[in-house]
């Protein structure tokens, strides 16, 4: 084994750690309803937030999704949530996300393709829900951290009938 391989592996482990810490911080900001801070500090100006329909496997440009937000629509969604305009989030739900299986899929030079598993628990209004799925990110380096350019949440549910609504940022 050469020292070059060891250095390469060490750099990969450091990068994985930085990415994982970034995703854990994102989950904390969302769980604490610090949505403006999340939007301003963690997202690029051309963010795309997508939740495909639950009957879709993979992404299709022609498919109708549950959420497909550009920056303006995502900002509007956040303002409505924080200003009490979304009746099912007044009072706000309590959420707790579990992020696991963080994997850097590819380094595209200007961004990283990252995958992770997620379970987002939502409590409030006399019920509890668990949203189970996979995150897919495009992370753009920003100094020692990153910014999210694309955030896709692929839910593993066959239907949202049990849950009824997606009123939180998954």
Protein backbone atom coordinates (compact mmCIF):
# COMPACT_ATOMS: atom_id res chain seq x y z
CA UNK A 1 0.00 0.00 0.00
CA UNK A 2 1.40 3.37 -0.97
CA UNK A 3 1.13 6.54 1.04
CA UNK A 4 -0.78 8.12 -1.89
CA UNK A 5 -3.64 5.64 -1.42
CA UNK A 6 -3.74 6.38 2.33
CA UNK A 7 -3.85 10.14 1.68
CA UNK A 8 -6.63 9.64 -0.89
CA UNK A 9 -8.65 7.53 1.55
CA UNK A 10 -8.11 10.06 4.33
CA UNK A 11 -9.30 12.88 2.06
CA UNK A 12 -12.39 10.86 1.13
CA UNK A 13 -13.19 10.20 4.79
CA UNK A 14 -12.79 13.91 5.62
CA UNK A 15 -15.08 14.86 2.72
CA UNK A 16 -17.68 12.28 3.79
CA UNK A 17 -17.53 13.65 7.34
CA UNK A 18 -18.02 17.25 6.13
CA UNK A 19 -20.98 16.21 3.97
CA UNK A 20 -22.53 14.20 6.81
CA UNK A 21 -22.15 17.07 9.28
CA UNK A 22 -23.73 19.43 6.75
CA UNK A 23 -26.75 17.12 6.33
CA UNK A 24 -27.10 16.68 10.10
CA UNK A 25 -27.08 20.48 10.52
CA UNK A 26 -29.70 20.83 7.79
CA UNK A 27 -31.93 18.31 9.60
CA UNK A 28 -31.53 20.21 12.88
CA UNK A 29 -32.43 23.57 11.30
CA UNK A 30 -35.53 22.07 9.72
CA UNK A 31 -36.56 20.31 12.96
CA UNK A 32 -36.13 23.57 14.88
CA UNK A 33 -38.24 25.42 12.28
CA UNK A 34 -35.33 27.74 11.53
CA UNK A 35 -36.53 27.82 7.92
CA UNK A 36 -35.31 31.30 6.99
CA UNK A 37 -31.82 30.48 8.27
CA UNK A 38 -31.96 27.17 6.38
CA UNK A 39 -33.03 28.93 3.18
CA UNK A 40 -30.52 31.78 3.45
CA UNK A 41 -27.46 29.82 4.60
CA UNK A 42 -27.82 26.35 3.09
CA UNK A 43 -29.39 26.80 -0.34
CA UNK A 44 -28.12 28.21 -3.62
CA UNK A 45 -29.94 31.00 -5.42
CA UNK A 46 -31.17 28.49 -8.03
CA UNK A 47 -32.41 25.83 -5.57
CA UNK A 48 -34.83 23.19 -6.77
CA UNK A 49 -36.80 21.23 -4.14
CA UNK A 50 -38.59 18.16 -5.52
CA UNK A 51 -40.79 15.46 -4.01
CA UNK A 52 -41.87 13.09 -6.81
CA UNK A 53 -45.23 11.34 -6.65
CA UNK A 54 -45.15 8.27 -4.45
CA UNK A 55 -45.91 5.97 -7.38
CA UNK A 56 -42.81 7.16 -9.24
CA UNK A 57 -39.55 5.28 -9.01
CA UNK A 58 -36.82 7.62 -10.08
CA UNK A 59 -37.20 11.07 -11.57
CA UNK A 60 -39.04 11.81 -14.78
CA UNK A 61 -39.29 15.26 -16.34
CA UNK A 62 -42.83 14.41 -17.53
CA UNK A 63 -44.13 13.14 -14.19
CA UNK A 64 -46.42 15.15 -11.98
CA UNK A 65 -44.82 15.42 -8.56
CA UNK A 66 -46.07 16.28 -5.10
CA UNK A 67 -43.67 19.24 -4.85
CA UNK A 68 -41.47 20.89 -7.46
CA UNK A 69 -40.36 24.24 -6.06
CA UNK A 70 -38.07 26.84 -7.57
CA UNK A 71 -36.50 29.49 -5.28
CA UNK A 72 -39.52 31.83 -5.33
CA UNK A 73 -42.03 29.07 -4.63
CA UNK A 74 -39.91 27.58 -1.83
CA UNK A 75 -39.52 31.01 -0.21
CA UNK A 76 -43.30 31.49 -0.43
CA UNK A 77 -43.86 28.05 1.13
CA UNK A 78 -41.54 28.97 4.03
CA UNK A 79 -43.21 32.34 4.63
CA UNK A 80 -46.66 30.72 4.65
CA UNK A 81 -45.50 28.10 7.15
CA UNK A 82 -43.88 30.65 9.45
CA UNK A 83 -46.72 33.20 9.25
CA UNK A 84 -49.43 30.72 10.24
CA UNK A 85 -51.06 30.73 6.80
CA UNK A 86 -50.92 26.93 6.58
CA UNK A 87 -53.78 25.90 8.87
CA UNK A 88 -52.47 22.38 9.44
CA UNK A 89 -49.21 23.84 10.81
CA UNK A 90 -50.79 26.27 13.27
CA UNK A 91 -49.58 25.39 15.82
CA UNK A 92 -46.45 23.99 14.22
CA UNK A 93 -45.76 20.27 14.18
CA UNK A 94 -42.79 18.88 16.02
CA UNK A 95 -40.43 17.01 13.74
CA UNK A 96 -37.43 14.79 14.20
CA UNK A 97 -35.35 13.58 11.27
CA UNK A 98 -33.02 10.60 11.25
CA UNK A 99 -30.40 10.76 8.50
CA UNK A 100 -28.36 7.66 7.66
CA UNK A 101 -26.44 5.88 4.93
CA UNK A 102 -24.82 9.11 3.71
CA UNK A 103 -22.98 8.40 0.49
CA UNK A 104 -21.12 10.60 -1.96
CA UNK A 105 -22.22 9.18 -5.29
CA UNK A 106 -20.10 11.34 -7.58
CA UNK A 107 -17.87 14.38 -7.66
CA UNK A 108 -18.96 16.33 -10.73
CA UNK A 109 -16.28 18.97 -10.27
CA UNK A 110 -18.56 21.92 -9.52
CA UNK A 111 -20.86 19.90 -7.25
CA UNK A 112 -21.23 16.61 -5.40
CA UNK A 113 -24.03 14.12 -5.95
CA UNK A 114 -25.02 12.86 -2.50
CA UNK A 115 -27.54 10.29 -1.30
CA UNK A 116 -28.86 9.54 2.17
CA UNK A 117 -31.75 7.72 3.79
CA UNK A 118 -34.22 9.67 5.90
CA UNK A 119 -37.04 9.07 8.32
CA UNK A 120 -38.87 12.28 9.22
CA UNK A 121 -41.19 11.92 12.19
CA UNK A 122 -43.96 14.50 12.46
CA UNK A 123 -46.00 14.99 15.63
CA UNK A 124 -48.90 17.33 16.13
CA UNK A 125 -52.64 17.87 15.94
CA UNK A 126 -53.36 14.57 17.64
CA UNK A 127 -51.41 12.37 15.27
CA UNK A 128 -47.96 11.20 14.41
CA UNK A 129 -46.58 10.41 10.97
CA UNK A 130 -43.37 8.87 9.72
CA UNK A 131 -42.16 9.80 6.25
CA UNK A 132 -39.60 7.25 5.05
CA UNK A 133 -37.49 7.83 2.00
CA UNK A 134 -34.29 8.80 0.32
CA UNK A 135 -32.60 12.15 -0.13
CA UNK A 136 -30.74 13.01 -3.31
CA UNK A 137 -28.70 16.21 -3.25
CA UNK A 138 -26.55 18.31 -5.49
CA UNK A 139 -24.17 20.03 -3.07
CA UNK A 140 -22.09 22.95 -4.29
CA UNK A 141 -18.88 23.62 -2.31
CA UNK A 142 -19.02 26.90 -0.36
CA UNK A 143 -15.76 27.47 1.52
CA UNK A 144 -15.46 24.66 4.05
CA UNK A 145 -19.18 23.91 3.79
CA UNK A 146 -21.72 23.41 1.03
CA UNK A 147 -24.93 24.80 -0.39
CA UNK A 148 -27.80 22.73 -1.73
CA UNK A 149 -28.59 23.32 -5.40
CA UNK A 150 -31.02 20.43 -5.75
CA UNK A 151 -32.88 18.53 -3.04
CA UNK A 152 -35.01 15.53 -4.07
CA UNK A 153 -36.98 13.56 -1.49
CA UNK A 154 -38.13 10.20 -2.84
CA UNK A 155 -40.71 8.78 -0.45
CA UNK A 156 -40.97 5.01 -0.12
CA UNK A 157 -44.70 5.15 0.61
CA UNK A 158 -47.07 3.67 -1.93
CA UNK A 159 -49.62 6.30 -1.00
CA UNK A 160 -49.89 9.29 1.32
CA UNK A 161 -53.44 8.39 2.34
CA UNK A 162 -52.32 7.60 5.89
CA UNK A 163 -50.46 10.90 6.11
CA UNK A 164 -52.78 13.05 4.08
CA UNK A 165 -50.55 16.07 3.61
CA UNK A 166 -47.02 17.28 3.18
CA UNK A 167 -47.19 20.47 5.18
CA UNK A 168 -43.59 20.35 6.44
CA UNK A 169 -40.35 20.72 4.52
CA UNK A 170 -39.24 17.12 4.23
